[in-house]
Amino acid sequence: MQEERRQLEEGSDVLKTLKAQLDGVEQTIAESQPQLDAATREHSKLEERRTEAERQRGAAEADVAALFPKLEPRAPRPWASTG
């Protein structure tokens, strides 16, 4: 009977420790969520700007090609995305 009681108390202590750890992790997640949301919004805005800049670059290159058809195409820039 004593052994069973000791095991129950130890199990209860383990559960309390795990519950405290879980509460800490959930609090950290809740505190981090606004930062994650802001970063996600910023990423979306930058992605839209990048897409628009690529579209404008393509249009400008088409305009140059139409105005100066004999020019050789420019080599791809290493930092430019491939799609």
PDB file of N, CA and C in Angstrom:
ATOM      1  N   MET A   1       0.818  -1.189   0.000  1.00  0.00           N
ATOM      2  CA  MET A   1       0.000   0.000   0.000  1.00  0.00           C
ATOM      3  C   MET A   1       0.866   1.259   0.000  1.00  0.00           C
ATOM      4  N   GLN A   2       1.924   1.252   0.808  1.00  0.00           N
ATOM      5  CA  GLN A   2       2.840   2.391   0.866  1.00  0.00           C
ATOM      6  C   GLN A   2       3.514   2.612  -0.491  1.00  0.00           C
ATOM      7  N   GLU A   3       3.899   1.512  -1.112  1.00  0.00           N
ATOM      8  CA  GLU A   3       4.577   1.592  -2.418  1.00  0.00           C
ATOM      9  C   GLU A   3       3.653   2.200  -3.473  1.00  0.00           C
ATOM     10  N   GLU A   4       2.411   1.787  -3.460  1.00  0.00           N
ATOM     11  CA  GLU A   4       1.441   2.335  -4.417  1.00  0.00           C
ATOM     12  C   GLU A   4       1.243   3.840  -4.195  1.00  0.00           C
ATOM     13  N   ARG A   5       1.168   4.229  -2.945  1.00  0.00           N
ATOM     14  CA  ARG A   5       0.999   5.638  -2.621  1.00  0.00           C
ATOM     15  C   ARG A   5       2.213   6.445  -3.097  1.00  0.00           C
ATOM     16  N   ARG A   6       3.407   5.924  -2.855  1.00  0.00           N
ATOM     17  CA  ARG A   6       4.626   6.597  -3.282  1.00  0.00           C
ATOM     18  C   ARG A   6       4.647   6.751  -4.809  1.00  0.00           C
ATOM     19  N   GLN A   7       4.272   5.697  -5.501  1.00  0.00           N
ATOM     20  CA  GLN A   7       4.244   5.753  -6.964  1.00  0.00           C
ATOM     21  C   GLN A   7       3.236   6.786  -7.463  1.00  0.00           C
ATOM     22  N   LEU A   8       2.070   6.848  -6.813  1.00  0.00           N
ATOM     23  CA  LEU A   8       1.065   7.839  -7.194  1.00  0.00           C
ATOM     24  C   LEU A   8       1.580   9.262  -6.955  1.00  0.00           C
ATOM     25  N   GLU A   9       2.253   9.478  -5.837  1.00  0.00           N
ATOM     26  CA  GLU A   9       2.796  10.796  -5.537  1.00  0.00           C
ATOM     27  C   GLU A   9       3.876  11.180  -6.539  1.00  0.00           C
ATOM     28  N   GLU A  10       4.741  10.248  -6.887  1.00  0.00           N
ATOM     29  CA  GLU A  10       5.785  10.514  -7.880  1.00  0.00           C
ATOM     30  C   GLU A  10       5.163  10.827  -9.234  1.00  0.00           C
ATOM     31  N   GLY A  11       4.147  10.048  -9.590  1.00  0.00           N
ATOM     32  CA  GLY A  11       3.451  10.294 -10.857  1.00  0.00           C
ATOM     33  C   GLY A  11       2.796  11.656 -10.865  1.00  0.00           C
ATOM     34  N   SER A  12       2.230  12.030  -9.734  1.00  0.00           N
ATOM     35  CA  SER A  12       1.605  13.339  -9.623  1.00  0.00           C
ATOM     36  C   SER A  12       2.644  14.447  -9.767  1.00  0.00           C
ATOM     37  N   ASP A  13       3.811  14.270  -9.158  1.00  0.00           N
ATOM     38  CA  ASP A  13       4.887  15.262  -9.277  1.00  0.00           C
ATOM     39  C   ASP A  13       5.348  15.398 -10.727  1.00  0.00           C
ATOM     40  N   VAL A  14       5.466  14.279 -11.407  1.00  0.00           N
ATOM     41  CA  VAL A  14       5.877  14.305 -12.813  1.00  0.00           C
ATOM     42  C   VAL A  14       4.835  15.051 -13.642  1.00  0.00           C
ATOM     43  N   LEU A  15       3.559  14.756 -13.390  1.00  0.00           N
ATOM     44  CA  LEU A  15       2.501  15.438 -14.132  1.00  0.00           C
ATOM     45  C   LEU A  15       2.505  16.937 -13.855  1.00  0.00           C
ATOM     46  N   LYS A  16       2.736  17.332 -12.619  1.00  0.00           N
ATOM     47  CA  LYS A  16       2.804  18.766 -12.287  1.00  0.00           C
ATOM     48  C   LYS A  16       3.962  19.429 -13.018  1.00  0.00           C
ATOM     49  N   THR A  17       5.110  18.757 -13.051  1.00  0.00           N
ATOM     50  CA  THR A  17       6.277  19.297 -13.746  1.00  0.00           C
ATOM     51  C   THR A  17       5.994  19.440 -15.239  1.00  0.00           C
ATOM     52  N   LEU A  18       5.409  18.418 -15.831  1.00  0.00           N
ATOM     53  CA  LEU A  18       5.085  18.469 -17.263  1.00  0.00           C
ATOM     54  C   LEU A  18       4.048  19.545 -17.557  1.00  0.00           C
ATOM     55  N   LYS A  19       3.072  19.692 -16.673  1.00  0.00           N
ATOM     56  CA  LYS A  19       2.050  20.729 -16.856  1.00  0.00           C
ATOM     57  C   LYS A  19       2.686  22.114 -16.798  1.00  0.00           C
ATOM     58  N   ALA A  20       3.609  22.320 -15.869  1.00  0.00           N
ATOM     59  CA  ALA A  20       4.291  23.613 -15.772  1.00  0.00           C
ATOM     60  C   ALA A  20       5.102  23.890 -17.032  1.00  0.00           C
ATOM     61  N   GLN A  21       5.777  22.867 -17.545  1.00  0.00           N
ATOM     62  CA  GLN A  21       6.552  23.039 -18.775  1.00  0.00           C
ATOM     63  C   GLN A  21       5.626  23.362 -19.953  1.00  0.00           C
ATOM     64  N   LEU A  22       4.517  22.659 -20.039  1.00  0.00           N
ATOM     65  CA  LEU A  22       3.554  22.902 -21.113  1.00  0.00           C
ATOM     66  C   LEU A  22       3.001  24.323 -21.026  1.00  0.00           C
ATOM     67  N   ASP A  23       2.673  24.754 -19.826  1.00  0.00           N
ATOM     68  CA  ASP A  23       2.172  26.124 -19.653  1.00  0.00           C
ATOM     69  C   ASP A  23       3.207  27.146 -20.119  1.00  0.00           C
ATOM     70  N   GLY A  24       4.475  26.908 -19.799  1.00  0.00           N
ATOM     71  CA  GLY A  24       5.540  27.812 -20.223  1.00  0.00           C
ATOM     72  C   GLY A  24       5.675  27.868 -21.733  1.00  0.00           C
ATOM     73  N   VAL A  25       5.601  26.716 -22.365  1.00  0.00           N
ATOM     74  CA  VAL A  25       5.711  26.668 -23.828  1.00  0.00           C
ATOM     75  C   VAL A  25       4.520  27.360 -24.474  1.00  0.00           C
ATOM     76  N   GLU A  26       3.327  27.117 -23.947  1.00  0.00           N
ATOM     77  CA  GLU A  26       2.135  27.765 -24.510  1.00  0.00           C
ATOM     78  C   GLU A  26       2.205  29.282 -24.333  1.00  0.00           C
ATOM     79  N   GLN A  27       2.734  29.740 -23.224  1.00  0.00           N
ATOM     80  CA  GLN A  27       2.875  31.182 -23.003  1.00  0.00           C
ATOM     81  C   GLN A  27       3.890  31.775 -23.985  1.00  0.00           C
ATOM     82  N   THR A  28       4.997  31.077 -24.201  1.00  0.00           N
ATOM     83  CA  THR A  28       6.001  31.545 -25.158  1.00  0.00           C
ATOM     84  C   THR A  28       5.423  31.632 -26.563  1.00  0.00           C
ATOM     85  N   ILE A  29       4.637  30.643 -26.930  1.00  0.00           N
ATOM     86  CA  ILE A  29       3.993  30.652 -28.252  1.00  0.00           C
ATOM     87  C   ILE A  29       3.043  31.838 -28.365  1.00  0.00           C
ATOM     88  N   ALA A  30       2.234  32.052 -27.337  1.00  0.00           N
ATOM     89  CA  ALA A  30       1.277  33.166 -27.368  1.00  0.00           C
ATOM     90  C   ALA A  30       2.002  34.507 -27.454  1.00  0.00           C
ATOM     91  N   GLU A  31       3.106  34.646 -26.745  1.00  0.00           N
ATOM     92  CA  GLU A  31       3.865  35.901 -26.777  1.00  0.00           C
ATOM     93  C   GLU A  31       4.561  36.103 -28.120  1.00  0.00           C
ATOM     94  N   SER A  32       4.921  35.014 -28.783  1.00  0.00           N
ATOM     95  CA  SER A  32       5.633  35.097 -30.060  1.00  0.00           C
ATOM     96  C   SER A  32       4.700  35.287 -31.250  1.00  0.00           C
ATOM     97  N   GLN A  33       3.444  34.964 -31.101  1.00  0.00           N
ATOM     98  CA  GLN A  33       2.507  34.992 -32.226  1.00  0.00           C
ATOM     99  C   GLN A  33       2.412  36.360 -32.890  1.00  0.00           C
ATOM    100  N   PRO A  34       2.308  37.463 -32.148  1.00  0.00           N
ATOM    101  CA  PRO A  34       2.244  38.767 -32.827  1.00  0.00           C
ATOM    102  C   PRO A  34       3.484  39.054 -33.683  1.00  0.00           C
ATOM    103  N   GLN A  35       4.656  38.652 -33.202  1.00  0.00           N
ATOM    104  CA  GLN A  35       5.876  38.856 -33.980  1.00  0.00           C
ATOM    105  C   GLN A  35       5.843  38.014 -35.252  1.00  0.00           C
ATOM    106  N   LEU A  36       5.378  36.790 -35.135  1.00  0.00           N
ATOM    107  CA  LEU A  36       5.270  35.927 -36.311  1.00  0.00           C
ATOM    108  C   LEU A  36       4.282  36.507 -37.315  1.00  0.00           C
ATOM    109  N   ASP A  37       3.155  36.994 -36.820  1.00  0.00           N
ATOM    110  CA  ASP A  37       2.159  37.590 -37.719  1.00  0.00           C
ATOM    111  C   ASP A  37       2.722  38.808 -38.438  1.00  0.00           C
ATOM    112  N   ALA A  38       3.434  39.663 -37.712  1.00  0.00           N
ATOM    113  CA  ALA A  38       4.029  40.854 -38.324  1.00  0.00           C
ATOM    114  C   ALA A  38       5.069  40.464 -39.367  1.00  0.00           C
ATOM    115  N   ALA A  39       5.894  39.484 -39.048  1.00  0.00           N
ATOM    116  CA  ALA A  39       6.922  39.038 -39.998  1.00  0.00           C
ATOM    117  C   ALA A  39       6.282  38.431 -41.243  1.00  0.00           C
ATOM    118  N   THR A  40       5.202  37.713 -41.070  1.00  0.00           N
ATOM    119  CA  THR A  40       4.500  37.113 -42.207  1.00  0.00           C
ATOM    120  C   THR A  40       3.912  38.203 -43.108  1.00  0.00           C
ATOM    121  N   ARG A  41       3.321  39.238 -42.492  1.00  0.00           N
ATOM    122  CA  ARG A  41       2.784  40.343 -43.290  1.00  0.00           C
ATOM    123  C   ARG A  41       3.898  41.063 -44.051  1.00  0.00           C
ATOM    124  N   GLU A  42       5.002  41.309 -43.380  1.00  0.00           N
ATOM    125  CA  GLU A  42       6.136  41.985 -44.018  1.00  0.00           C
ATOM    126  C   GLU A  42       6.678  41.145 -45.174  1.00  0.00           C
ATOM    127  N   HIS A  43       6.787  39.861 -44.973  1.00  0.00           N
ATOM    128  CA  HIS A  43       7.264  38.966 -46.029  1.00  0.00           C
ATOM    129  C   HIS A  43       6.329  39.031 -47.241  1.00  0.00           C
ATOM    130  N   SER A  44       5.041  39.025 -46.982  1.00  0.00           N
ATOM    131  CA  SER A  44       4.072  39.094 -48.085  1.00  0.00           C
ATOM    132  C   SER A  44       4.212  40.392 -48.867  1.00  0.00           C
ATOM    133  N   LYS A  45       4.375  41.517 -48.140  1.00  0.00           N
ATOM    134  CA  LYS A  45       4.548  42.804 -48.822  1.00  0.00           C
ATOM    135  C   LYS A  45       5.811  42.799 -49.672  1.00  0.00           C
ATOM    136  N   LEU A  46       6.898  42.288 -49.118  1.00  0.00           N
ATOM    137  CA  LEU A  46       8.154  42.258 -49.872  1.00  0.00           C
ATOM    138  C   LEU A  46       8.055  41.340 -51.082  1.00  0.00           C
ATOM    139  N   GLU A  47       7.362  40.232 -50.927  1.00  0.00           N
ATOM    140  CA  GLU A  47       7.182  39.309 -52.050  1.00  0.00           C
ATOM    141  C   GLU A  47       6.375  39.983 -53.158  1.00  0.00           C
ATOM    142  N   GLU A  48       5.338  40.730 -52.794  1.00  0.00           N
ATOM    143  CA  GLU A  48       4.551  41.460 -53.793  1.00  0.00           C
ATOM    144  C   GLU A  48       5.404  42.509 -54.500  1.00  0.00           C
ATOM    145  N   ARG A  49       6.228  43.221 -53.733  1.00  0.00           N
ATOM    146  CA  ARG A  49       7.107  44.233 -54.338  1.00  0.00           C
ATOM    147  C   ARG A  49       8.103  43.577 -55.286  1.00  0.00           C
ATOM    148  N   ARG A  50       8.660  42.433 -54.899  1.00  0.00           N
ATOM    149  CA  ARG A  50       9.614  41.724 -55.754  1.00  0.00           C
ATOM    150  C   ARG A  50       8.940  41.289 -57.051  1.00  0.00           C
ATOM    151  N   THR A  51       7.744  40.743 -56.933  1.00  0.00           N
ATOM    152  CA  THR A  51       7.011  40.292 -58.118  1.00  0.00           C
ATOM    153  C   THR A  51       6.724  41.464 -59.056  1.00  0.00           C
ATOM    154  N   GLU A  52       6.305  42.590 -58.489  1.00  0.00           N
ATOM    155  CA  GLU A  52       6.027  43.777 -59.308  1.00  0.00           C
ATOM    156  C   GLU A  52       7.309  44.298 -59.961  1.00  0.00           C
ATOM    157  N   ALA A  53       8.406  44.302 -59.235  1.00  0.00           N
ATOM    158  CA  ALA A  53       9.681  44.761 -59.801  1.00  0.00           C
ATOM    159  C   ALA A  53      10.109  43.854 -60.949  1.00  0.00           C
ATOM    160  N   GLU A  54       9.921  42.547 -60.796  1.00  0.00           N
ATOM    161  CA  GLU A  54      10.267  41.622 -61.883  1.00  0.00           C
ATOM    162  C   GLU A  54       9.383  41.859 -63.100  1.00  0.00           C
ATOM    163  N   ARG A  55       8.096  42.134 -62.858  1.00  0.00           N
ATOM    164  CA  ARG A  55       7.192  42.409 -63.970  1.00  0.00           C
ATOM    165  C   ARG A  55       7.627  43.679 -64.702  1.00  0.00           C
ATOM    166  N   GLN A  56       7.957  44.713 -63.924  1.00  0.00           N
ATOM    167  CA  GLN A  56       8.400  45.967 -64.534  1.00  0.00           C
ATOM    168  C   GLN A  56       9.715  45.779 -65.283  1.00  0.00           C
ATOM    169  N   ARG A  57      10.612  45.000 -64.728  1.00  0.00           N
ATOM    170  CA  ARG A  57      11.880  44.746 -65.410  1.00  0.00           C
ATOM    171  C   ARG A  57      11.634  44.047 -66.747  1.00  0.00           C
ATOM    172  N   GLY A  58      10.749  43.055 -66.743  1.00  0.00           N
ATOM    173  CA  GLY A  58      10.428  42.355 -67.982  1.00  0.00           C
ATOM    174  C   GLY A  58       9.837  43.292 -69.020  1.00  0.00           C
ATOM    175  N   ALA A  59       8.948  44.177 -68.570  1.00  0.00           N
ATOM    176  CA  ALA A  59       8.343  45.145 -69.495  1.00  0.00           C
ATOM    177  C   ALA A  59       9.404  46.096 -70.026  1.00  0.00           C
ATOM    178  N   ALA A  60      10.299  46.545 -69.166  1.00  0.00           N
ATOM    179  CA  ALA A  60      11.362  47.456 -69.604  1.00  0.00           C
ATOM    180  C   ALA A  60      12.287  46.761 -70.601  1.00  0.00           C
ATOM    181  N   GLU A  61      12.621  45.511 -70.332  1.00  0.00           N
ATOM    182  CA  GLU A  61      13.486  44.769 -71.256  1.00  0.00           C
ATOM    183  C   GLU A  61      12.796  44.585 -72.605  1.00  0.00           C
ATOM    184  N   ALA A  62      11.481  44.355 -72.572  1.00  0.00           N
ATOM    185  CA  ALA A  62      10.739  44.220 -73.831  1.00  0.00           C
ATOM    186  C   ALA A  62      10.730  45.545 -74.592  1.00  0.00           C
ATOM    187  N   ASP A  63      10.574  46.643 -73.859  1.00  0.00           N
ATOM    188  CA  ASP A  63      10.607  47.962 -74.502  1.00  0.00           C
ATOM    189  C   ASP A  63      11.971  48.225 -75.136  1.00  0.00           C
ATOM    190  N   VAL A  64      13.032  47.910 -74.427  1.00  0.00           N
ATOM    191  CA  VAL A  64      14.387  48.117 -74.953  1.00  0.00           C
ATOM    192  C   VAL A  64      14.602  47.242 -76.180  1.00  0.00           C
ATOM    193  N   ALA A  65      14.150  46.009 -76.105  1.00  0.00           N
ATOM    194  CA  ALA A  65      14.312  45.097 -77.246  1.00  0.00           C
ATOM    195  C   ALA A  65      13.551  45.622 -78.469  1.00  0.00           C
ATOM    196  N   ALA A  66      12.390  46.213 -78.227  1.00  0.00           N
ATOM    197  CA  ALA A  66      11.611  46.758 -79.344  1.00  0.00           C
ATOM    198  C   ALA A  66      12.281  48.000 -79.923  1.00  0.00           C
ATOM    199  N   LEU A  67      12.897  48.811 -79.067  1.00  0.00           N
ATOM    200  CA  LEU A  67      13.547  50.031 -79.527  1.00  0.00           C
ATOM    201  C   LEU A  67      14.908  49.765 -80.167  1.00  0.00           C
ATOM    202  N   PHE A  68      15.597  48.779 -79.636  1.00  0.00           N
ATOM    203  CA  PHE A  68      16.960  48.471 -80.098  1.00  0.00           C
ATOM    204  C   PHE A  68      17.068  46.976 -80.394  1.00  0.00           C
ATOM    205  N   PRO A  69      16.464  46.514 -81.471  1.00  0.00           N
ATOM    206  CA  PRO A  69      16.386  45.067 -81.735  1.00  0.00           C
ATOM    207  C   PRO A  69      17.733  44.400 -81.984  1.00  0.00           C
ATOM    208  N   LYS A  70      18.762  45.122 -82.319  1.00  0.00           N
ATOM    209  CA  LYS A  70      20.039  44.487 -82.628  1.00  0.00           C
ATOM    210  C   LYS A  70      20.929  44.292 -81.410  1.00  0.00           C
ATOM    211  N   LEU A  71      20.528  44.831 -80.264  1.00  0.00           N
ATOM    212  CA  LEU A  71      21.337  44.652 -79.058  1.00  0.00           C
ATOM    213  C   LEU A  71      21.292  43.204 -78.601  1.00  0.00           C
ATOM    214  N   GLU A  72      22.416  42.740 -78.105  1.00  0.00           N
ATOM    215  CA  GLU A  72      22.476  41.386 -77.556  1.00  0.00           C
ATOM    216  C   GLU A  72      21.747  41.366 -76.203  1.00  0.00           C
ATOM    217  N   PRO A  73      21.068  40.276 -75.905  1.00  0.00           N
ATOM    218  CA  PRO A  73      20.414  40.196 -74.593  1.00  0.00           C
ATOM    219  C   PRO A  73      21.456  40.203 -73.475  1.00  0.00           C
ATOM    220  N   ARG A  74      21.100  40.788 -72.372  1.00  0.00           N
ATOM    221  CA  ARG A  74      22.008  40.832 -71.213  1.00  0.00           C
ATOM    222  C   ARG A  74      22.125  39.464 -70.583  1.00  0.00           C
ATOM    223  N   ALA A  75      23.296  39.217 -70.053  1.00  0.00           N
ATOM    224  CA  ALA A  75      23.480  37.961 -69.307  1.00  0.00           C
ATOM    225  C   ALA A  75      22.634  38.012 -68.034  1.00  0.00           C
ATOM    226  N   PRO A  76      22.101  36.884 -67.615  1.00  0.00           N
ATOM    227  CA  PRO A  76      21.300  36.882 -66.386  1.00  0.00           C
ATOM    228  C   PRO A  76      22.141  37.332 -65.204  1.00  0.00           C
ATOM    229  N   ARG A  77      21.512  38.067 -64.330  1.00  0.00           N
ATOM    230  CA  ARG A  77      22.202  38.509 -63.127  1.00  0.00           C
ATOM    231  C   ARG A  77      22.160  37.367 -62.107  1.00  0.00           C
ATOM    232  N   PRO A  78      23.291  37.101 -61.446  1.00  0.00           N
ATOM    233  CA  PRO A  78      23.343  35.950 -60.526  1.00  0.00           C
ATOM    234  C   PRO A  78      22.391  36.086 -59.345  1.00  0.00           C
ATOM    235  N   TRP A  79      22.010  37.308 -58.972  1.00  0.00           N
ATOM    236  CA  TRP A  79      21.135  37.489 -57.825  1.00  0.00           C
ATOM    237  C   TRP A  79      19.652  37.444 -58.214  1.00  0.00           C
ATOM    238  N   ALA A  80      19.381  37.484 -59.533  1.00  0.00           N
ATOM    239  CA  ALA A  80      17.990  37.475 -59.976  1.00  0.00           C
ATOM    240  C   ALA A  80      17.402  36.088 -59.795  1.00  0.00           C
ATOM    241  N   SER A  81      16.168  36.049 -59.348  1.00  0.00           N
ATOM    242  CA  SER A  81      15.526  34.748 -59.165  1.00  0.00           C
ATOM    243  C   SER A  81      15.158  34.164 -60.513  1.00  0.00           C
ATOM    244  N   THR A  82      15.036  32.863 -60.540  1.00  0.00           N
ATOM    245  CA  THR A  82      14.700  32.181 -61.793  1.00  0.00           C
ATOM    246  C   THR A  82      13.227  31.826 -61.843  1.00  0.00           C
ATOM    247  N   GLY A  83      12.464  32.321 -60.911  1.00  0.00           N
ATOM    248  CA  GLY A  83      11.037  32.081 -61.008  1.00  0.00           C
ATOM    249  C   GLY A  83      10.520  31.602 -59.764  1.00  0.00           C
TER     250      GLY A  83
END
